[in-house]
Amino acid sequence: MFTGIVEATGTITAVDVVGSAVRLTIAADMAGELSVGESVAVDGVCLTVAESGSSSWAVDVMRVTRETTTLGTVATGRRVNLERAVRADSRLGGHILQGHVDGVATLLTRDSGPEWDDFTFQVPGSLARYVVTKGSIAIDGVSLTVAILHGDKVGVSLIPTTLEVTTLGDKRPGDTSNIEVDIIGKYVESLLGGRS
């Protein structure tokens, strides 16, 4: 489980095809602290550490993950958001995330202001029903509050700190991002028998 509070960014240093999977090597300051088998959210995708060294570590990305997230098109040099799994004795600073990406959203607009930047994303229509104004959404593994909602258009406001310490500051209109909607809404729908 994760919280959407990004603790570091890393850089993809190698992309190696292994059958239908891909092994990504990621350079990051946290590398020496990671153990093989540990879960790490990479741009919001829960992955397992397959190799760990002092300055980089590797994860395997399965075919289905490549097809349903932005990790299917990664290249060397790309920065990614990183978060280790939450510990039971720490604060839950963002919201509950599984690292199971629900879909890919496209950034439509980015309006910069002196105190924050407003981003508008288009989410897949099938996921829009799980998004509510002032609710939570994870974009590339970053826990954010929904500021505006118009159908499948989701608006979020990012403060300078978030723009600086995550990869969202690099985003431009047309870029895609992994999204995870609030798990609570999906559970409620399932329990009420409304799943289609």
Foldseek 3Di string as FASTA:
>chain_A
DAQQPFDAKWFFADWDDDPLKIKTKTFDQCQVVDDFQFWKQWLLATFGFHAGDNGITITIGHNVNLVFFVVVDDDGGDMTTMDGHDDPPDDNPAHDGDNHFPHKWFWADWADDPFWIKTKIFTPQVCLVLADAQDWKHWRSHIFGFHDDDRRITMTIGGPVCLPRGCVVVDDGGDMTTMDGDVVSVVVCVVVVNDD
